[in-house]
Amino acid sequence: LEDLDDPNLFGGIVDRPGRILFAMPPRRPAGERERWVRVLLAHREGYSRDEVQEAFAGV
C-alpha cells in the first residue's frame, strides 16, 4: 500500500480508515497535490464548501 502514495506512480493517497481515495495524474506539482489534499481534509473535518473555498482562495 505504501507504493500507492508515490506521486510519481499514481499521484494519489489512500486513507484506509477514512476511506478517502484521492487521485491525480502522475507527476503533478507537489504544491498542487498538497493544496487538494488540504482541501479534502478540511471537508473531512466538517468545514462547509464556502468556508473551504474562502480559506484556500489565496493559496
PDB file of N, CA and C in Angstrom:
ATOM      1  N   LEU A   1       0.804  -1.210   0.000  1.00  0.00           N
ATOM      2  CA  LEU A   1       0.000   0.000   0.000  1.00  0.00           C
ATOM      3  C   LEU A   1       0.841   1.266   0.000  1.00  0.00           C
ATOM      4  N   GLU A   2       2.068   1.186   0.495  1.00  0.00           N
ATOM      5  CA  GLU A   2       2.891   2.387   0.528  1.00  0.00           C
ATOM      6  C   GLU A   2       3.153   2.914  -0.877  1.00  0.00           C
ATOM      7  N   ASP A   3       3.265   2.020  -1.851  1.00  0.00           N
ATOM      8  CA  ASP A   3       3.519   2.452  -3.222  1.00  0.00           C
ATOM      9  C   ASP A   3       2.365   3.274  -3.786  1.00  0.00           C
ATOM     10  N   LEU A   4       1.167   3.105  -3.258  1.00  0.00           N
ATOM     11  CA  LEU A   4       0.020   3.848  -3.768  1.00  0.00           C
ATOM     12  C   LEU A   4       0.147   5.341  -3.515  1.00  0.00           C
ATOM     13  N   ASP A   5       0.965   5.707  -2.535  1.00  0.00           N
ATOM     14  CA  ASP A   5       1.135   7.119  -2.212  1.00  0.00           C
ATOM     15  C   ASP A   5       2.320   7.747  -2.949  1.00  0.00           C
ATOM     16  N   ASP A   6       2.925   7.000  -3.861  1.00  0.00           N
ATOM     17  CA  ASP A   6       4.056   7.532  -4.616  1.00  0.00           C
ATOM     18  C   ASP A   6       3.531   8.463  -5.707  1.00  0.00           C
ATOM     19  N   PRO A   7       3.768   9.778  -5.591  1.00  0.00           N
ATOM     20  CA  PRO A   7       3.203  10.717  -6.558  1.00  0.00           C
ATOM     21  C   PRO A   7       3.736  10.513  -7.971  1.00  0.00           C
ATOM     22  N   ASN A   8       4.889   9.871  -8.100  1.00  0.00           N
ATOM     23  CA  ASN A   8       5.433   9.629  -9.429  1.00  0.00           C
ATOM     24  C   ASN A   8       4.760   8.454 -10.120  1.00  0.00           C
ATOM     25  N   LEU A   9       4.117   7.593  -9.340  1.00  0.00           N
ATOM     26  CA  LEU A   9       3.441   6.437  -9.927  1.00  0.00           C
ATOM     27  C   LEU A   9       1.956   6.688 -10.122  1.00  0.00           C
ATOM     28  N   PHE A  10       1.301   7.085  -9.060  1.00  0.00           N
ATOM     29  CA  PHE A  10      -0.151   7.209  -9.093  1.00  0.00           C
ATOM     30  C   PHE A  10      -0.654   8.617  -8.821  1.00  0.00           C
ATOM     31  N   GLY A  11       0.112   9.404  -8.085  1.00  0.00           N
ATOM     32  CA  GLY A  11      -0.322  10.752  -7.749  1.00  0.00           C
ATOM     33  C   GLY A  11      -1.509  10.771  -6.818  1.00  0.00           C
ATOM     34  N   GLY A  12      -1.638   9.755  -5.968  1.00  0.00           N
ATOM     35  CA  GLY A  12      -2.811   9.697  -5.111  1.00  0.00           C
ATOM     36  C   GLY A  12      -2.488   9.313  -3.688  1.00  0.00           C
ATOM     37  N   ILE A  13      -3.512   9.311  -2.879  1.00  0.00           N
ATOM     38  CA  ILE A  13      -3.391   8.949  -1.473  1.00  0.00           C
ATOM     39  C   ILE A  13      -4.527   8.005  -1.133  1.00  0.00           C
ATOM     40  N   VAL A  14      -4.214   6.964  -0.393  1.00  0.00           N
ATOM     41  CA  VAL A  14      -5.247   6.068   0.105  1.00  0.00           C
ATOM     42  C   VAL A  14      -5.235   6.183   1.620  1.00  0.00           C
ATOM     43  N   ASP A  15      -6.364   6.563   2.185  1.00  0.00           N
ATOM     44  CA  ASP A  15      -6.510   6.656   3.634  1.00  0.00           C
ATOM     45  C   ASP A  15      -7.534   5.609   4.030  1.00  0.00           C
ATOM     46  N   ARG A  16      -7.086   4.444   4.381  1.00  0.00           N
ATOM     47  CA  ARG A  16      -7.992   3.325   4.620  1.00  0.00           C
ATOM     48  C   ARG A  16      -8.995   3.580   5.741  1.00  0.00           C
ATOM     49  N   PRO A  17      -8.567   4.100   6.914  1.00  0.00           N
ATOM     50  CA  PRO A  17      -9.558   4.303   7.970  1.00  0.00           C
ATOM     51  C   PRO A  17     -10.683   5.246   7.547  1.00  0.00           C
ATOM     52  N   GLY A  18     -10.341   6.314   6.838  1.00  0.00           N
ATOM     53  CA  GLY A  18     -11.355   7.263   6.398  1.00  0.00           C
ATOM     54  C   GLY A  18     -11.906   6.948   5.029  1.00  0.00           C
ATOM     55  N   ARG A  19     -11.332   5.955   4.386  1.00  0.00           N
ATOM     56  CA  ARG A  19     -11.750   5.519   3.053  1.00  0.00           C
ATOM     57  C   ARG A  19     -11.709   6.646   2.033  1.00  0.00           C
ATOM     58  N   ILE A  20     -10.677   7.442   2.121  1.00  0.00           N
ATOM     59  CA  ILE A  20     -10.501   8.503   1.140  1.00  0.00           C
ATOM     60  C   ILE A  20      -9.540   8.000   0.074  1.00  0.00           C
ATOM     61  N   LEU A  21      -9.940   8.117  -1.151  1.00  0.00           N
ATOM     62  CA  LEU A  21      -9.046   7.838  -2.270  1.00  0.00           C
ATOM     63  C   LEU A  21      -8.953   9.120  -3.066  1.00  0.00           C
ATOM     64  N   PHE A  22      -7.774   9.628  -3.146  1.00  0.00           N
ATOM     65  CA  PHE A  22      -7.550  10.884  -3.843  1.00  0.00           C
ATOM     66  C   PHE A  22      -6.556  10.613  -4.953  1.00  0.00           C
ATOM     67  N   ALA A  23      -6.953  10.829  -6.174  1.00  0.00           N
ATOM     68  CA  ALA A  23      -6.069  10.531  -7.295  1.00  0.00           C
ATOM     69  C   ALA A  23      -5.896  11.752  -8.184  1.00  0.00           C
ATOM     70  N   MET A  24      -4.685  11.932  -8.616  1.00  0.00           N
ATOM     71  CA  MET A  24      -4.357  12.974  -9.583  1.00  0.00           C
ATOM     72  C   MET A  24      -3.481  12.334 -10.645  1.00  0.00           C
ATOM     73  N   PRO A  25      -3.410  12.949 -11.804  1.00  0.00           N
ATOM     74  CA  PRO A  25      -2.485  12.431 -12.806  1.00  0.00           C
ATOM     75  C   PRO A  25      -1.059  12.410 -12.250  1.00  0.00           C
ATOM     76  N   PRO A  26      -0.247  11.449 -12.645  1.00  0.00           N
ATOM     77  CA  PRO A  26       1.133  11.380 -12.151  1.00  0.00           C
ATOM     78  C   PRO A  26       1.917  12.643 -12.491  1.00  0.00           C
ATOM     79  N   ARG A  27       2.920  12.885 -11.667  1.00  0.00           N
ATOM     80  CA  ARG A  27       3.874  13.965 -11.872  1.00  0.00           C
ATOM     81  C   ARG A  27       3.261  15.369 -11.832  1.00  0.00           C
ATOM     82  N   ARG A  28       2.195  15.526 -11.085  1.00  0.00           N
ATOM     83  CA  ARG A  28       1.634  16.866 -10.878  1.00  0.00           C
ATOM     84  C   ARG A  28       2.539  17.588  -9.887  1.00  0.00           C
ATOM     85  N   PRO A  29       2.603  18.907  -9.922  1.00  0.00           N
ATOM     86  CA  PRO A  29       3.444  19.644  -8.977  1.00  0.00           C
ATOM     87  C   PRO A  29       3.044  19.338  -7.535  1.00  0.00           C
ATOM     88  N   ALA A  30       4.047  19.223  -6.679  1.00  0.00           N
ATOM     89  CA  ALA A  30       3.792  18.884  -5.276  1.00  0.00           C
ATOM     90  C   ALA A  30       2.871  19.900  -4.614  1.00  0.00           C
ATOM     91  N   GLY A  31       3.026  21.172  -4.942  1.00  0.00           N
ATOM     92  CA  GLY A  31       2.176  22.202  -4.343  1.00  0.00           C
ATOM     93  C   GLY A  31       0.715  22.021  -4.686  1.00  0.00           C
ATOM     94  N   GLU A  32       0.436  21.637  -5.925  1.00  0.00           N
ATOM     95  CA  GLU A  32      -0.948  21.400  -6.338  1.00  0.00           C
ATOM     96  C   GLU A  32      -1.527  20.195  -5.599  1.00  0.00           C
ATOM     97  N   ARG A  33      -0.734  19.153  -5.501  1.00  0.00           N
ATOM     98  CA  ARG A  33      -1.179  17.943  -4.797  1.00  0.00           C
ATOM     99  C   ARG A  33      -1.463  18.260  -3.333  1.00  0.00           C
ATOM    100  N   GLU A  34      -0.556  19.004  -2.688  1.00  0.00           N
ATOM    101  CA  GLU A  34      -0.725  19.360  -1.279  1.00  0.00           C
ATOM    102  C   GLU A  34      -1.977  20.207  -1.072  1.00  0.00           C
ATOM    103  N   ARG A  35      -2.224  21.145  -1.972  1.00  0.00           N
ATOM    104  CA  ARG A  35      -3.409  22.002  -1.845  1.00  0.00           C
ATOM    105  C   ARG A  35      -4.679  21.169  -1.857  1.00  0.00           C
ATOM    106  N   TRP A  36      -4.801  20.244  -2.805  1.00  0.00           N
ATOM    107  CA  TRP A  36      -6.018  19.439  -2.891  1.00  0.00           C
ATOM    108  C   TRP A  36      -6.167  18.494  -1.710  1.00  0.00           C
ATOM    109  N   VAL A  37      -5.063  17.991  -1.200  1.00  0.00           N
ATOM    110  CA  VAL A  37      -5.131  17.147  -0.006  1.00  0.00           C
ATOM    111  C   VAL A  37      -5.640  17.966   1.171  1.00  0.00           C
ATOM    112  N   ARG A  38      -5.152  19.195   1.321  1.00  0.00           N
ATOM    113  CA  ARG A  38      -5.609  20.051   2.416  1.00  0.00           C
ATOM    114  C   ARG A  38      -7.090  20.388   2.277  1.00  0.00           C
ATOM    115  N   VAL A  39      -7.545  20.625   1.048  1.00  0.00           N
ATOM    116  CA  VAL A  39      -8.968  20.890   0.811  1.00  0.00           C
ATOM    117  C   VAL A  39      -9.799  19.677   1.217  1.00  0.00           C
ATOM    118  N   LEU A  40      -9.365  18.491   0.810  1.00  0.00           N
ATOM    119  CA  LEU A  40     -10.103  17.275   1.178  1.00  0.00           C
ATOM    120  C   LEU A  40     -10.158  17.082   2.685  1.00  0.00           C
ATOM    121  N   LEU A  41      -9.038  17.317   3.355  1.00  0.00           N
ATOM    122  CA  LEU A  41      -9.012  17.154   4.809  1.00  0.00           C
ATOM    123  C   LEU A  41      -9.905  18.182   5.497  1.00  0.00           C
ATOM    124  N   ALA A  42      -9.963  19.394   4.979  1.00  0.00           N
ATOM    125  CA  ALA A  42     -10.853  20.409   5.552  1.00  0.00           C
ATOM    126  C   ALA A  42     -12.309  19.973   5.430  1.00  0.00           C
ATOM    127  N   HIS A  43     -12.672  19.438   4.274  1.00  0.00           N
ATOM    128  CA  HIS A  43     -14.035  18.924   4.110  1.00  0.00           C
ATOM    129  C   HIS A  43     -14.290  17.773   5.078  1.00  0.00           C
ATOM    130  N   ARG A  44     -13.307  16.922   5.235  1.00  0.00           N
ATOM    131  CA  ARG A  44     -13.447  15.766   6.130  1.00  0.00           C
ATOM    132  C   ARG A  44     -13.657  16.208   7.578  1.00  0.00           C
ATOM    133  N   GLU A  45     -13.038  17.333   7.947  1.00  0.00           N
ATOM    134  CA  GLU A  45     -13.173  17.846   9.310  1.00  0.00           C
ATOM    135  C   GLU A  45     -14.504  18.558   9.533  1.00  0.00           C
ATOM    136  N   GLY A  46     -15.289  18.710   8.481  1.00  0.00           N
ATOM    137  CA  GLY A  46     -16.619  19.271   8.650  1.00  0.00           C
ATOM    138  C   GLY A  46     -16.799  20.707   8.202  1.00  0.00           C
ATOM    139  N   TYR A  47     -15.766  21.299   7.619  1.00  0.00           N
ATOM    140  CA  TYR A  47     -15.914  22.661   7.127  1.00  0.00           C
ATOM    141  C   TYR A  47     -16.801  22.658   5.888  1.00  0.00           C
ATOM    142  N   SER A  48     -17.607  23.696   5.753  1.00  0.00           N
ATOM    143  CA  SER A  48     -18.510  23.778   4.603  1.00  0.00           C
ATOM    144  C   SER A  48     -17.726  24.107   3.336  1.00  0.00           C
ATOM    145  N   ARG A  49     -18.373  23.916   2.214  1.00  0.00           N
ATOM    146  CA  ARG A  49     -17.739  24.209   0.923  1.00  0.00           C
ATOM    147  C   ARG A  49     -17.330  25.682   0.843  1.00  0.00           C
ATOM    148  N   ASP A  50     -18.211  26.570   1.293  1.00  0.00           N
ATOM    149  CA  ASP A  50     -17.913  28.007   1.256  1.00  0.00           C
ATOM    150  C   ASP A  50     -16.722  28.359   2.144  1.00  0.00           C
ATOM    151  N   GLU A  51     -16.668  27.769   3.337  1.00  0.00           N
ATOM    152  CA  GLU A  51     -15.548  28.029   4.245  1.00  0.00           C
ATOM    153  C   GLU A  51     -14.228  27.572   3.630  1.00  0.00           C
ATOM    154  N   VAL A  52     -14.261  26.417   3.002  1.00  0.00           N
ATOM    155  CA  VAL A  52     -13.044  25.875   2.392  1.00  0.00           C
ATOM    156  C   VAL A  52     -12.611  26.741   1.214  1.00  0.00           C
ATOM    157  N   GLN A  53     -13.559  27.145   0.371  1.00  0.00           N
ATOM    158  CA  GLN A  53     -13.221  27.990  -0.777  1.00  0.00           C
ATOM    159  C   GLN A  53     -12.634  29.320  -0.324  1.00  0.00           C
ATOM    160  N   GLU A  54     -13.211  29.896   0.719  1.00  0.00           N
ATOM    161  CA  GLU A  54     -12.709  31.172   1.232  1.00  0.00           C
ATOM    162  C   GLU A  54     -11.295  31.017   1.793  1.00  0.00           C
ATOM    163  N   ALA A  55     -11.073  29.946   2.534  1.00  0.00           N
ATOM    164  CA  ALA A  55      -9.770  29.726   3.154  1.00  0.00           C
ATOM    165  C   ALA A  55      -8.669  29.490   2.121  1.00  0.00           C
ATOM    166  N   PHE A  56      -9.010  28.838   1.027  1.00  0.00           N
ATOM    167  CA  PHE A  56      -7.998  28.484   0.037  1.00  0.00           C
ATOM    168  C   PHE A  56      -8.006  29.402  -1.185  1.00  0.00           C
ATOM    169  N   ALA A  57      -8.761  30.479  -1.135  1.00  0.00           N
ATOM    170  CA  ALA A  57      -8.860  31.383  -2.286  1.00  0.00           C
ATOM    171  C   ALA A  57      -7.514  32.005  -2.645  1.00  0.00           C
ATOM    172  N   GLY A  58      -6.729  32.344  -1.662  1.00  0.00           N
ATOM    173  CA  GLY A  58      -5.453  32.989  -1.931  1.00  0.00           C
ATOM    174  C   GLY A  58      -4.275  32.044  -2.020  1.00  0.00           C
ATOM    175  N   VAL A  59      -4.541  30.769  -1.924  1.00  0.00           N
ATOM    176  CA  VAL A  59      -3.440  29.786  -1.926  1.00  0.00           C
ATOM    177  C   VAL A  59      -3.147  29.336  -3.323  1.00  0.00           C
TER     178      VAL A  59
END
